Amino acid sequence: MENWLFASGEIIGKVILSILAIFTIVIVITRISGLRTFSKMSSFDFASTIAIGSILASIVLNSSQSITKGAIALGGIILFQSVFSYCKRKFSWFNSLFTNSPMLLMENGEFIFNNLRKTNVDAKDVYAKLREANVKDKSEVLAVILESTGDISVLHKSKDVELSKDILTGVKK
């Protein structure tokens, strides 16, 4: 008998077989498509990862879904992600149209309030990231960047090393 607390042996067996099959398929597809498959290099990569997770959950938990259908859906998403990534690398217009540029939120310990407004980020959120990065005073901060993935990077000042201009390539000021 299946209810919210228990499942029949047959259903549990299907779930276990689905897990083995679908994860085998994911490993094969990932080996073919490369390491970028589950990266978070862009917001599109992040969305692809979420879509893949949703498909995996649907196939494993819904016994009426076929593994073949799931494999085709996974392959389709990963193929689309590969084509998308290729187009981003090869065509600058495509990259600028579909990819958010990183945004400078703080420079030399001072907030860039206009950029905070544009990105809908609050100074309190930045302070939380500064604490995570073990910053004790704003004067220690060279730059805070909202990356295209939504992550926030904190670059510390260093007495020994100057910031290379290359590190800020593509970052909007």
C-alpha atoms as a PDB file:
ATOM      1  CA  MET A   1       0.000   0.000   0.000  1.00  0.00           C
ATOM      2  CA  GLU A   2       1.357   3.448  -0.922  1.00  0.00           C
ATOM      3  CA  ASN A   3       0.553   6.614   0.983  1.00  0.00           C
ATOM      4  CA  TRP A   4       2.441   9.643   2.217  1.00  0.00           C
ATOM      5  CA  LEU A   5       4.452   7.544   4.659  1.00  0.00           C
ATOM      6  CA  PHE A   6       4.956   4.181   2.955  1.00  0.00           C
ATOM      7  CA  ALA A   7       5.623   2.896  -0.562  1.00  0.00           C
ATOM      8  CA  SER A   8       5.248  -0.587  -1.962  1.00  0.00           C
ATOM      9  CA  GLY A   9       8.273  -2.751  -2.687  1.00  0.00           C
ATOM     10  CA  GLU A  10       7.542  -2.461  -6.414  1.00  0.00           C
ATOM     11  CA  ILE A  11       7.628   1.353  -6.299  1.00  0.00           C
ATOM     12  CA  ILE A  12      10.833   1.349  -4.239  1.00  0.00           C
ATOM     13  CA  GLY A  13      12.393  -1.061  -6.756  1.00  0.00           C
ATOM     14  CA  LYS A  14      11.426   1.240  -9.652  1.00  0.00           C
ATOM     15  CA  VAL A  15      12.920   4.226  -7.847  1.00  0.00           C
ATOM     16  CA  ILE A  16      16.201   2.407  -7.248  1.00  0.00           C
ATOM     17  CA  LEU A  17      16.409   1.209 -10.858  1.00  0.00           C
ATOM     18  CA  SER A  18      15.530   4.707 -12.103  1.00  0.00           C
ATOM     19  CA  ILE A  19      18.293   6.210  -9.971  1.00  0.00           C
ATOM     20  CA  LEU A  20      20.870   3.760 -11.310  1.00  0.00           C
ATOM     21  CA  ALA A  21      19.787   4.234 -14.918  1.00  0.00           C
ATOM     22  CA  ILE A  22      19.410   8.005 -14.939  1.00  0.00           C
ATOM     23  CA  PHE A  23      22.649   8.687 -13.076  1.00  0.00           C
ATOM     24  CA  THR A  24      24.489   6.370 -15.441  1.00  0.00           C
ATOM     25  CA  ILE A  25      23.036   8.401 -18.318  1.00  0.00           C
ATOM     26  CA  VAL A  26      24.056  11.685 -16.634  1.00  0.00           C
ATOM     27  CA  ILE A  27      27.616  10.441 -16.156  1.00  0.00           C
ATOM     28  CA  VAL A  28      27.860   9.370 -19.805  1.00  0.00           C
ATOM     29  CA  ILE A  29      26.416  12.651 -21.086  1.00  0.00           C
ATOM     30  CA  THR A  30      28.689  14.657 -18.778  1.00  0.00           C
ATOM     31  CA  ARG A  31      31.763  12.753 -19.919  1.00  0.00           C
ATOM     32  CA  ILE A  32      30.840  13.482 -23.535  1.00  0.00           C
ATOM     33  CA  SER A  33      29.905  17.152 -23.070  1.00  0.00           C
ATOM     34  CA  GLY A  34      32.679  18.100 -20.632  1.00  0.00           C
ATOM     35  CA  LEU A  35      33.130  19.617 -17.230  1.00  0.00           C
ATOM     36  CA  ARG A  36      31.217  22.807 -18.001  1.00  0.00           C
ATOM     37  CA  THR A  37      27.931  20.880 -17.860  1.00  0.00           C
ATOM     38  CA  PHE A  38      27.473  21.563 -14.144  1.00  0.00           C
ATOM     39  CA  SER A  39      29.489  24.746 -13.830  1.00  0.00           C
ATOM     40  CA  LYS A  40      28.094  28.052 -12.675  1.00  0.00           C
ATOM     41  CA  MET A  41      30.029  30.220 -15.081  1.00  0.00           C
ATOM     42  CA  SER A  42      26.931  32.115 -16.209  1.00  0.00           C
ATOM     43  CA  SER A  43      23.300  32.480 -15.274  1.00  0.00           C
ATOM     44  CA  PHE A  44      22.451  30.195 -18.202  1.00  0.00           C
ATOM     45  CA  ASP A  45      24.701  27.458 -16.786  1.00  0.00           C
ATOM     46  CA  PHE A  46      22.962  27.846 -13.446  1.00  0.00           C
ATOM     47  CA  ALA A  47      19.516  27.584 -15.085  1.00  0.00           C
ATOM     48  CA  SER A  48      20.639  24.489 -17.005  1.00  0.00           C
ATOM     49  CA  THR A  49      21.788  22.846 -13.792  1.00  0.00           C
ATOM     50  CA  ILE A  50      18.422  23.526 -12.173  1.00  0.00           C
ATOM     51  CA  ALA A  51      16.591  22.124 -15.215  1.00  0.00           C
ATOM     52  CA  ILE A  52      18.743  18.993 -15.121  1.00  0.00           C
ATOM     53  CA  GLY A  53      17.975  18.548 -11.431  1.00  0.00           C
ATOM     54  CA  SER A  54      14.271  18.932 -12.085  1.00  0.00           C
ATOM     55  CA  ILE A  55      14.353  16.295 -14.820  1.00  0.00           C
ATOM     56  CA  LEU A  56      16.302  13.924 -12.583  1.00  0.00           C
ATOM     57  CA  ALA A  57      13.775  14.337  -9.784  1.00  0.00           C
ATOM     58  CA  SER A  58      10.819  13.867 -12.144  1.00  0.00           C
ATOM     59  CA  ILE A  59      12.193  10.644 -13.569  1.00  0.00           C
ATOM     60  CA  VAL A  60      13.218   9.153 -10.239  1.00  0.00           C
ATOM     61  CA  LEU A  61      10.059  10.067  -8.312  1.00  0.00           C
ATOM     62  CA  ASN A  62       7.419   9.674 -11.016  1.00  0.00           C
ATOM     63  CA  SER A  63       7.115   6.052 -12.056  1.00  0.00           C
ATOM     64  CA  SER A  64       4.991   7.028 -15.067  1.00  0.00           C
ATOM     65  CA  GLN A  65       7.963   8.880 -16.646  1.00  0.00           C
ATOM     66  CA  SER A  66      10.157   6.814 -18.924  1.00  0.00           C
ATOM     67  CA  ILE A  67      13.905   6.743 -18.574  1.00  0.00           C
ATOM     68  CA  THR A  68      14.210   7.151 -22.356  1.00  0.00           C
ATOM     69  CA  LYS A  69      12.165  10.360 -22.230  1.00  0.00           C
ATOM     70  CA  GLY A  70      14.356  11.614 -19.382  1.00  0.00           C
ATOM     71  CA  ALA A  71      17.558  10.725 -21.219  1.00  0.00           C
ATOM     72  CA  ILE A  72      16.370  12.621 -24.301  1.00  0.00           C
ATOM     73  CA  ALA A  73      15.419  15.632 -22.163  1.00  0.00           C
ATOM     74  CA  LEU A  74      18.791  15.597 -20.382  1.00  0.00           C
ATOM     75  CA  GLY A  75      20.661  15.229 -23.652  1.00  0.00           C
ATOM     76  CA  GLY A  76      18.630  18.056 -25.178  1.00  0.00           C
ATOM     77  CA  ILE A  77      19.335  20.463 -22.332  1.00  0.00           C
ATOM     78  CA  ILE A  78      23.037  19.645 -22.305  1.00  0.00           C
ATOM     79  CA  LEU A  79      23.249  19.920 -26.104  1.00  0.00           C
ATOM     80  CA  PHE A  80      21.493  23.287 -25.970  1.00  0.00           C
ATOM     81  CA  GLN A  81      23.872  24.409 -23.213  1.00  0.00           C
ATOM     82  CA  SER A  82      26.868  23.331 -25.325  1.00  0.00           C
ATOM     83  CA  VAL A  83      25.585  25.207 -28.394  1.00  0.00           C
ATOM     84  CA  PHE A  84      24.836  28.248 -26.238  1.00  0.00           C
ATOM     85  CA  SER A  85      28.359  28.193 -24.740  1.00  0.00           C
ATOM     86  CA  TYR A  86      29.905  27.787 -28.199  1.00  0.00           C
ATOM     87  CA  CYS A  87      27.948  30.786 -29.522  1.00  0.00           C
ATOM     88  CA  LYS A  88      28.999  32.869 -26.505  1.00  0.00           C
ATOM     89  CA  ARG A  89      32.655  32.114 -27.218  1.00  0.00           C
ATOM     90  CA  LYS A  90      32.490  32.647 -30.972  1.00  0.00           C
ATOM     91  CA  PHE A  91      30.123  35.625 -31.344  1.00  0.00           C
ATOM     92  CA  SER A  92      30.630  38.717 -29.189  1.00  0.00           C
ATOM     93  CA  TRP A  93      27.163  40.050 -30.104  1.00  0.00           C
ATOM     94  CA  PHE A  94      25.611  36.809 -28.840  1.00  0.00           C
ATOM     95  CA  ASN A  95      27.576  37.007 -25.598  1.00  0.00           C
ATOM     96  CA  SER A  96      26.577  40.627 -24.949  1.00  0.00           C
ATOM     97  CA  LEU A  97      22.929  39.904 -25.797  1.00  0.00           C
ATOM     98  CA  PHE A  98      22.490  36.862 -23.546  1.00  0.00           C
ATOM     99  CA  THR A  99      25.036  37.273 -20.737  1.00  0.00           C
ATOM    100  CA  ASN A 100      25.037  39.715 -17.845  1.00  0.00           C
ATOM    101  CA  SER A 101      28.326  41.488 -17.303  1.00  0.00           C
ATOM    102  CA  PRO A 102      29.877  41.504 -13.871  1.00  0.00           C
ATOM    103  CA  MET A 103      29.275  44.766 -11.993  1.00  0.00           C
ATOM    104  CA  LEU A 104      31.613  46.608  -9.642  1.00  0.00           C
ATOM    105  CA  LEU A 105      29.774  47.266  -6.346  1.00  0.00           C
ATOM    106  CA  MET A 106      32.624  48.605  -4.236  1.00  0.00           C
ATOM    107  CA  GLU A 107      35.981  50.096  -5.160  1.00  0.00           C
ATOM    108  CA  ASN A 108      38.784  50.981  -2.749  1.00  0.00           C
ATOM    109  CA  GLY A 109      36.482  50.502   0.247  1.00  0.00           C
ATOM    110  CA  GLU A 110      33.733  52.778  -1.086  1.00  0.00           C
ATOM    111  CA  PHE A 111      30.311  51.669  -2.276  1.00  0.00           C
ATOM    112  CA  ILE A 112      29.224  52.497  -5.806  1.00  0.00           C
ATOM    113  CA  PHE A 113      25.609  53.234  -4.892  1.00  0.00           C
ATOM    114  CA  ASN A 114      24.435  53.662  -8.486  1.00  0.00           C
ATOM    115  CA  ASN A 115      25.615  50.102  -9.270  1.00  0.00           C
ATOM    116  CA  LEU A 116      23.981  48.768  -6.086  1.00  0.00           C
ATOM    117  CA  ARG A 117      20.671  50.228  -7.320  1.00  0.00           C
ATOM    118  CA  LYS A 118      21.135  48.868 -10.855  1.00  0.00           C
ATOM    119  CA  THR A 119      21.800  45.356  -9.566  1.00  0.00           C
ATOM    120  CA  ASN A 120      19.168  45.463  -6.807  1.00  0.00           C
ATOM    121  CA  VAL A 121      21.798  44.630  -4.187  1.00  0.00           C
ATOM    122  CA  ASP A 122      21.645  46.178  -0.734  1.00  0.00           C
ATOM    123  CA  ALA A 123      24.731  47.394   1.125  1.00  0.00           C
ATOM    124  CA  LYS A 124      23.784  44.970   3.931  1.00  0.00           C
ATOM    125  CA  ASP A 125      24.174  42.084   1.467  1.00  0.00           C
ATOM    126  CA  VAL A 126      27.647  43.327   0.565  1.00  0.00           C
ATOM    127  CA  TYR A 127      28.579  43.651   4.235  1.00  0.00           C
ATOM    128  CA  ALA A 128      27.538  40.013   4.734  1.00  0.00           C
ATOM    129  CA  LYS A 129      29.858  38.961   1.893  1.00  0.00           C
ATOM    130  CA  LEU A 130      32.657  41.078   3.335  1.00  0.00           C
ATOM    131  CA  ARG A 131      32.286  39.262   6.655  1.00  0.00           C
ATOM    132  CA  GLU A 132      32.348  35.901   4.834  1.00  0.00           C
ATOM    133  CA  ALA A 133      35.574  37.026   3.146  1.00  0.00           C
ATOM    134  CA  ASN A 134      37.078  37.828   6.566  1.00  0.00           C
ATOM    135  CA  VAL A 135      37.214  41.581   5.925  1.00  0.00           C
ATOM    136  CA  LYS A 136      37.637  43.524   9.163  1.00  0.00           C
ATOM    137  CA  ASP A 137      37.525  47.040   7.729  1.00  0.00           C
ATOM    138  CA  LYS A 138      36.336  48.553   4.446  1.00  0.00           C
ATOM    139  CA  SER A 139      39.834  49.935   3.891  1.00  0.00           C
ATOM    140  CA  GLU A 140      40.978  46.328   3.272  1.00  0.00           C
ATOM    141  CA  VAL A 141      38.706  46.074   0.229  1.00  0.00           C
ATOM    142  CA  LEU A 142      40.092  46.711  -3.213  1.00  0.00           C
ATOM    143  CA  ALA A 143      36.932  45.700  -5.075  1.00  0.00           C
ATOM    144  CA  VAL A 144      33.626  43.897  -4.648  1.00  0.00           C
ATOM    145  CA  ILE A 145      32.150  42.481  -7.838  1.00  0.00           C
ATOM    146  CA  LEU A 146      28.716  41.025  -8.496  1.00  0.00           C
ATOM    147  CA  GLU A 147      29.577  38.249 -10.931  1.00  0.00           C
ATOM    148  CA  SER A 148      27.354  37.204 -13.844  1.00  0.00           C
ATOM    149  CA  THR A 149      26.454  34.071 -11.848  1.00  0.00           C
ATOM    150  CA  GLY A 150      25.061  36.119  -8.961  1.00  0.00           C
ATOM    151  CA  ASP A 151      28.056  35.347  -6.754  1.00  0.00           C
ATOM    152  CA  ILE A 152      29.854  38.217  -5.061  1.00  0.00           C
ATOM    153  CA  SER A 153      33.654  38.312  -5.241  1.00  0.00           C
ATOM    154  CA  VAL A 154      35.733  40.261  -2.748  1.00  0.00           C
ATOM    155  CA  LEU A 155      39.241  41.341  -3.716  1.00  0.00           C
ATOM    156  CA  HIS A 156      41.469  42.302  -0.780  1.00  0.00           C
ATOM    157  CA  LYS A 157      44.153  44.965  -0.871  1.00  0.00           C
ATOM    158  CA  SER A 158      47.680  43.646  -0.648  1.00  0.00           C
ATOM    159  CA  LYS A 159      50.887  45.460   0.156  1.00  0.00           C
ATOM    160  CA  ASP A 160      52.861  43.095  -2.050  1.00  0.00           C
ATOM    161  CA  VAL A 161      50.725  42.872  -5.189  1.00  0.00           C
ATOM    162  CA  GLU A 162      48.891  45.435  -7.285  1.00  0.00           C
ATOM    163  CA  LEU A 163      45.593  44.564  -8.958  1.00  0.00           C
ATOM    164  CA  SER A 164      46.131  43.501 -12.549  1.00  0.00           C
ATOM    165  CA  LYS A 165      43.820  45.233 -15.022  1.00  0.00           C
ATOM    166  CA  ASP A 166      43.144  41.822 -16.582  1.00  0.00           C
ATOM    167  CA  ILE A 167      41.350  40.678 -13.433  1.00  0.00           C
ATOM    168  CA  LEU A 168      38.638  43.318 -14.068  1.00  0.00           C
ATOM    169  CA  THR A 169      38.160  42.391 -17.730  1.00  0.00           C
ATOM    170  CA  GLY A 170      34.469  42.640 -18.588  1.00  0.00           C
ATOM    171  CA  VAL A 171      33.478  44.243 -15.261  1.00  0.00           C
ATOM    172  CA  LYS A 172      31.194  47.274 -15.591  1.00  0.00           C
ATOM    173  CA  LYS A 173      32.190  50.257 -13.473  1.00  0.00           C
END
